C-alpha atoms as a PDB file:
ATOM      1  CA  UNK A   1      -8.522  36.028 -14.333  1.00  0.00           C
ATOM      2  CA  UNK A   2      -7.519  35.786 -17.761  1.00  0.00           C
ATOM      3  CA  UNK A   3      -5.267  33.122 -19.530  1.00  0.00           C
ATOM      4  CA  UNK A   4      -2.865  33.732 -22.069  1.00  0.00           C
ATOM      5  CA  UNK A   5      -3.365  31.041 -24.712  1.00  0.00           C
ATOM      6  CA  UNK A   6      -0.018  29.412 -25.601  1.00  0.00           C
ATOM      7  CA  UNK A   7       0.812  26.255 -28.080  1.00  0.00           C
ATOM      8  CA  UNK A   8       0.821  23.192 -26.857  1.00  0.00           C
ATOM      9  CA  UNK A   9      -0.435  19.643 -27.846  1.00  0.00           C
ATOM     10  CA  UNK A  10      -3.362  19.755 -30.660  1.00  0.00           C
ATOM     11  CA  UNK A  11      -2.880  17.425 -33.127  1.00  0.00           C
ATOM     12  CA  UNK A  12      -3.171  13.720 -32.894  1.00  0.00           C
ATOM     13  CA  UNK A  13      -0.644  11.690 -34.378  1.00  0.00           C
ATOM     14  CA  UNK A  14       1.791   8.629 -33.743  1.00  0.00           C
ATOM     15  CA  UNK A  15       5.358  10.083 -32.870  1.00  0.00           C
ATOM     16  CA  UNK A  16       8.244   8.582 -34.041  1.00  0.00           C
ATOM     17  CA  UNK A  17       9.199   5.475 -32.277  1.00  0.00           C
ATOM     18  CA  UNK A  18       6.004   5.283 -30.752  1.00  0.00           C
ATOM     19  CA  UNK A  19       2.744   2.806 -31.899  1.00  0.00           C
ATOM     20  CA  UNK A  20      -0.003   4.874 -30.812  1.00  0.00           C
ATOM     21  CA  UNK A  21      -1.795   7.865 -31.270  1.00  0.00           C
ATOM     22  CA  UNK A  22      -0.967  10.631 -29.097  1.00  0.00           C
ATOM     23  CA  UNK A  23      -1.539  14.555 -28.993  1.00  0.00           C
ATOM     24  CA  UNK A  24       1.393  16.223 -30.015  1.00  0.00           C
ATOM     25  CA  UNK A  25       2.554  20.085 -30.147  1.00  0.00           C
ATOM     26  CA  UNK A  26       3.195  20.952 -34.042  1.00  0.00           C
ATOM     27  CA  UNK A  27       5.451  23.775 -32.449  1.00  0.00           C
ATOM     28  CA  UNK A  28       7.542  22.289 -30.309  1.00  0.00           C
ATOM     29  CA  UNK A  29       7.348  18.845 -30.404  1.00  0.00           C
ATOM     30  CA  UNK A  30       5.674  18.028 -26.947  1.00  0.00           C
ATOM     31  CA  UNK A  31       4.085  14.844 -26.919  1.00  0.00           C
ATOM     32  CA  UNK A  32       0.972  14.496 -24.182  1.00  0.00           C
ATOM     33  CA  UNK A  33       1.238  10.754 -22.674  1.00  0.00           C
ATOM     34  CA  UNK A  34      -2.268  10.242 -21.097  1.00  0.00           C
ATOM     35  CA  UNK A  35      -1.684   7.524 -18.743  1.00  0.00           C
ATOM     36  CA  UNK A  36      -3.780   5.621 -16.220  1.00  0.00           C
ATOM     37  CA  UNK A  37      -4.495   6.967 -12.872  1.00  0.00           C
ATOM     38  CA  UNK A  38      -3.663   5.572  -9.380  1.00  0.00           C
ATOM     39  CA  UNK A  39      -6.212   5.445  -7.065  1.00  0.00           C
ATOM     40  CA  UNK A  40      -5.350   4.477  -3.306  1.00  0.00           C
ATOM     41  CA  UNK A  41      -7.097   3.652  -0.222  1.00  0.00           C
ATOM     42  CA  UNK A  42      -7.492   2.126   3.036  1.00  0.00           C
ATOM     43  CA  UNK A  43      -9.707  -0.696   4.745  1.00  0.00           C
ATOM     44  CA  UNK A  44      -9.374   1.027   8.474  1.00  0.00           C
ATOM     45  CA  UNK A  45     -10.411  -0.842  11.502  1.00  0.00           C
ATOM     46  CA  UNK A  46     -11.160   0.014  15.188  1.00  0.00           C
ATOM     47  CA  UNK A  47     -12.021  -2.507  17.323  1.00  0.00           C
ATOM     48  CA  UNK A  48     -13.043  -5.140  14.701  1.00  0.00           C
ATOM     49  CA  UNK A  49     -14.869  -2.502  12.926  1.00  0.00           C
ATOM     50  CA  UNK A  50     -14.596  -0.827   9.604  1.00  0.00           C
ATOM     51  CA  UNK A  51     -14.640   2.759   8.608  1.00  0.00           C
ATOM     52  CA  UNK A  52     -16.748   3.590   5.908  1.00  0.00           C
ATOM     53  CA  UNK A  53     -17.717   6.495   4.124  1.00  0.00           C
ATOM     54  CA  UNK A  54     -20.914   7.894   2.358  1.00  0.00           C
ATOM     55  CA  UNK A  55     -19.716   9.934  -0.630  1.00  0.00           C
ATOM     56  CA  UNK A  56     -20.907  13.340  -0.720  1.00  0.00           C
ATOM     57  CA  UNK A  57     -19.808  13.894  -4.140  1.00  0.00           C
ATOM     58  CA  UNK A  58     -20.030  12.288  -7.693  1.00  0.00           C
ATOM     59  CA  UNK A  59     -19.513   9.999  -9.018  1.00  0.00           C
ATOM     60  CA  UNK A  60     -21.628   7.930  -6.747  1.00  0.00           C
ATOM     61  CA  UNK A  61     -23.006  10.378  -4.567  1.00  0.00           C
ATOM     62  CA  UNK A  62     -24.978   8.783  -1.582  1.00  0.00           C
ATOM     63  CA  UNK A  63     -22.827   5.573  -1.899  1.00  0.00           C
ATOM     64  CA  UNK A  64     -20.572   3.977   0.747  1.00  0.00           C
ATOM     65  CA  UNK A  65     -17.080   3.476   0.384  1.00  0.00           C
ATOM     66  CA  UNK A  66     -13.830   3.245   2.305  1.00  0.00           C
ATOM     67  CA  UNK A  67     -11.463   6.320   2.033  1.00  0.00           C
ATOM     68  CA  UNK A  68     -10.016   6.063  -1.323  1.00  0.00           C
ATOM     69  CA  UNK A  69      -8.958   8.887  -4.248  1.00  0.00           C
ATOM     70  CA  UNK A  70      -6.455   9.423  -6.574  1.00  0.00           C
ATOM     71  CA  UNK A  71      -2.949   9.861  -5.753  1.00  0.00           C
ATOM     72  CA  UNK A  72      -0.915  13.219  -5.573  1.00  0.00           C
ATOM     73  CA  UNK A  73       2.325  14.015  -7.134  1.00  0.00           C
ATOM     74  CA  UNK A  74       5.413  13.147  -4.796  1.00  0.00           C
ATOM     75  CA  UNK A  75       3.415  10.975  -2.452  1.00  0.00           C
ATOM     76  CA  UNK A  76       3.897   7.102  -1.901  1.00  0.00           C
ATOM     77  CA  UNK A  77       0.740   5.106  -2.319  1.00  0.00           C
ATOM     78  CA  UNK A  78       0.621   4.433   1.364  1.00  0.00           C
ATOM     79  CA  UNK A  79       1.174   8.148   2.000  1.00  0.00           C
ATOM     80  CA  UNK A  80      -1.618   8.730  -0.331  1.00  0.00           C
ATOM     81  CA  UNK A  81      -3.876   6.358   1.505  1.00  0.00           C
ATOM     82  CA  UNK A  82      -3.009   7.909   5.047  1.00  0.00           C
ATOM     83  CA  UNK A  83      -3.935  11.156   3.227  1.00  0.00           C
ATOM     84  CA  UNK A  84      -7.517  10.072   1.958  1.00  0.00           C
ATOM     85  CA  UNK A  85      -8.124   8.417   5.115  1.00  0.00           C
ATOM     86  CA  UNK A  86      -7.694  12.291   6.782  1.00  0.00           C
ATOM     87  CA  UNK A  87      -9.455  13.898   3.881  1.00  0.00           C
ATOM     88  CA  UNK A  88     -12.680  11.757   3.682  1.00  0.00           C
ATOM     89  CA  UNK A  89     -12.942  10.766   7.500  1.00  0.00           C
ATOM     90  CA  UNK A  90     -10.631  12.787   9.672  1.00  0.00           C
ATOM     91  CA  UNK A  91      -9.306   9.813  11.337  1.00  0.00           C
ATOM     92  CA  UNK A  92      -5.488   8.738  11.966  1.00  0.00           C
ATOM     93  CA  UNK A  93      -4.063   5.543  10.821  1.00  0.00           C
ATOM     94  CA  UNK A  94      -1.067   3.416  10.346  1.00  0.00           C
ATOM     95  CA  UNK A  95      -0.653   1.603   7.754  1.00  0.00           C
ATOM     96  CA  UNK A  96       0.113  -2.480   8.153  1.00  0.00           C
ATOM     97  CA  UNK A  97       0.232  -3.843   4.752  1.00  0.00           C
ATOM     98  CA  UNK A  98      -1.123  -3.704   1.145  1.00  0.00           C
ATOM     99  CA  UNK A  99      -4.384  -5.977   0.709  1.00  0.00           C
ATOM    100  CA  UNK A 100      -4.763  -5.782  -3.247  1.00  0.00           C
ATOM    101  CA  UNK A 101      -4.075  -4.052  -6.357  1.00  0.00           C
ATOM    102  CA  UNK A 102      -6.834  -3.944  -8.721  1.00  0.00           C
ATOM    103  CA  UNK A 103      -7.051  -2.929 -12.521  1.00  0.00           C
ATOM    104  CA  UNK A 104      -9.452  -1.712 -14.676  1.00  0.00           C
ATOM    105  CA  UNK A 105      -8.088  -1.189 -17.870  1.00  0.00           C
ATOM    106  CA  UNK A 106     -11.821   0.075 -19.238  1.00  0.00           C
ATOM    107  CA  UNK A 107     -11.473   3.182 -17.414  1.00  0.00           C
ATOM    108  CA  UNK A 108      -7.617   3.352 -16.997  1.00  0.00           C
ATOM    109  CA  UNK A 109      -7.695   3.076 -13.098  1.00  0.00           C
ATOM    110  CA  UNK A 110      -4.972   1.193 -10.993  1.00  0.00           C
ATOM    111  CA  UNK A 111      -6.354   0.850  -7.080  1.00  0.00           C
ATOM    112  CA  UNK A 112      -4.023  -0.116  -4.286  1.00  0.00           C
ATOM    113  CA  UNK A 113      -5.758  -0.865  -1.062  1.00  0.00           C
ATOM    114  CA  UNK A 114      -4.112  -1.081   2.143  1.00  0.00           C
ATOM    115  CA  UNK A 115      -5.049  -2.421   5.553  1.00  0.00           C
ATOM    116  CA  UNK A 116      -4.680   0.142   8.021  1.00  0.00           C
ATOM    117  CA  UNK A 117      -5.070   0.286  11.757  1.00  0.00           C
ATOM    118  CA  UNK A 118      -6.949   3.481  13.378  1.00  0.00           C
ATOM    119  CA  UNK A 119      -4.570   5.372  15.895  1.00  0.00           C
ATOM    120  CA  UNK A 120      -7.986   6.399  18.133  1.00  0.00           C
ATOM    121  CA  UNK A 121     -11.403   5.993  17.478  1.00  0.00           C
ATOM    122  CA  UNK A 122     -12.055   9.796  16.609  1.00  0.00           C
ATOM    123  CA  UNK A 123     -13.572  10.246  13.326  1.00  0.00           C
ATOM    124  CA  UNK A 124     -16.042  12.693  11.440  1.00  0.00           C
ATOM    125  CA  UNK A 125     -16.824  13.202   7.841  1.00  0.00           C
ATOM    126  CA  UNK A 126     -14.335  15.303   5.687  1.00  0.00           C
ATOM    127  CA  UNK A 127     -15.364  17.686   2.470  1.00  0.00           C
ATOM    128  CA  UNK A 128     -16.031  14.503   0.416  1.00  0.00           C
ATOM    129  CA  UNK A 129     -18.409  12.293   2.984  1.00  0.00           C
ATOM    130  CA  UNK A 130     -21.593  13.478   4.416  1.00  0.00           C
ATOM    131  CA  UNK A 131     -21.729  10.499   6.799  1.00  0.00           C
ATOM    132  CA  UNK A 132     -18.782   8.045   8.401  1.00  0.00           C
ATOM    133  CA  UNK A 133     -18.985   4.996  10.274  1.00  0.00           C
ATOM    134  CA  UNK A 134     -17.631   2.262  12.097  1.00  0.00           C
ATOM    135  CA  UNK A 135     -19.370  -0.613  10.815  1.00  0.00           C
ATOM    136  CA  UNK A 136     -19.367  -4.392  11.901  1.00  0.00           C
ATOM    137  CA  UNK A 137     -18.810  -6.774   8.940  1.00  0.00           C
ATOM    138  CA  UNK A 138     -22.732  -7.428   9.075  1.00  0.00           C
ATOM    139  CA  UNK A 139     -23.528  -3.780   9.176  1.00  0.00           C
ATOM    140  CA  UNK A 140     -21.608  -3.259   5.773  1.00  0.00           C
ATOM    141  CA  UNK A 141     -23.945  -1.676   2.897  1.00  0.00           C
ATOM    142  CA  UNK A 142     -23.142  -4.306   0.406  1.00  0.00           C
ATOM    143  CA  UNK A 143     -26.138  -3.229  -1.597  1.00  0.00           C
ATOM    144  CA  UNK A 144     -24.993   0.283  -1.513  1.00  0.00           C
ATOM    145  CA  UNK A 145     -21.328   0.432  -2.187  1.00  0.00           C
ATOM    146  CA  UNK A 146     -20.017   2.778  -4.855  1.00  0.00           C
ATOM    147  CA  UNK A 147     -17.744   0.707  -7.016  1.00  0.00           C
ATOM    148  CA  UNK A 148     -16.340  -2.830  -7.875  1.00  0.00           C
ATOM    149  CA  UNK A 149     -12.939  -1.757  -6.355  1.00  0.00           C
ATOM    150  CA  UNK A 150     -14.607  -1.456  -2.832  1.00  0.00           C
ATOM    151  CA  UNK A 151     -16.111  -4.687  -2.920  1.00  0.00           C
ATOM    152  CA  UNK A 152     -12.718  -6.633  -4.028  1.00  0.00           C
ATOM    153  CA  UNK A 153     -10.966  -4.634  -1.346  1.00  0.00           C
ATOM    154  CA  UNK A 154     -13.265  -5.607   1.155  1.00  0.00           C
ATOM    155  CA  UNK A 155     -13.465  -9.170   0.054  1.00  0.00           C
ATOM    156  CA  UNK A 156      -9.466  -9.511   0.248  1.00  0.00           C
ATOM    157  CA  UNK A 157      -9.216  -7.802   3.574  1.00  0.00           C
ATOM    158  CA  UNK A 158     -11.658 -10.586   4.841  1.00  0.00           C
ATOM    159  CA  UNK A 159      -9.311 -13.341   3.657  1.00  0.00           C
ATOM    160  CA  UNK A 160      -6.809 -11.341   5.450  1.00  0.00           C
ATOM    161  CA  UNK A 161      -3.940 -12.238   3.355  1.00  0.00           C
ATOM    162  CA  UNK A 162      -2.255  -9.897   0.692  1.00  0.00           C
ATOM    163  CA  UNK A 163      -1.413  -8.604  -1.753  1.00  0.00           C
ATOM    164  CA  UNK A 164      -3.608  -9.889  -4.273  1.00  0.00           C
ATOM    165  CA  UNK A 165      -3.960  -8.629  -7.989  1.00  0.00           C
ATOM    166  CA  UNK A 166      -7.137  -8.448  -9.914  1.00  0.00           C
ATOM    167  CA  UNK A 167      -7.863  -7.203 -13.251  1.00  0.00           C
ATOM    168  CA  UNK A 168     -11.300  -6.355 -13.806  1.00  0.00           C
ATOM    169  CA  UNK A 169     -13.043  -8.313 -16.946  1.00  0.00           C
ATOM    170  CA  UNK A 170      -9.554 -10.684 -17.095  1.00  0.00           C
ATOM    171  CA  UNK A 171      -7.453 -12.566 -14.657  1.00  0.00           C
END
C-alpha cells in the first residue's frame, strides 16, 4: 500500500492564544493537540470472586490485571469498560457503579474503574490475555499486578465505596 504524503502538523510553535508548544501545520494552520488518554476498566465479580486476566501483550506481558484498556471514540466510559471486559475475558457484565478515577500525569493517563457483576460464570481468554481466572481475594496475585492503577482499583473496590479520586504522586 502506498501512502500519499500530505502536509500536516510539523512545526513546533505556541499557537496564538495558547500557552503551550504544539505541533502546527504551517500550510493550513491546523494545530495538533496531544491530550491525556482515558483508560476504562472493571473489577468484575461472580459469587465473591474477582475476574483477573494475565496479559498476553506488552507492556507488562505476563502480569495480571482486571479487564481494562483505552476508550474508543463514540463510547461512554461505562460502555468502554463493558467492551474491554468482553475483549480481554469474553465475559458479559453489568456495571454497578464507579469505583474510582486515577490520574497519572507523568504518563498522561486517566483511569476510570467500575464495579461490575458478571451476568454468568462464563469467561475465557480474549486476544490480549493468555489466562483468565476467577480468584478469591486471598488468591489475587498482588506481587504480579501489571500497574499501580490495578492495585488502587482493587483497594478501593475492597472498601466498597465510590467514587474515589487518586492522583499518582500527588493528592
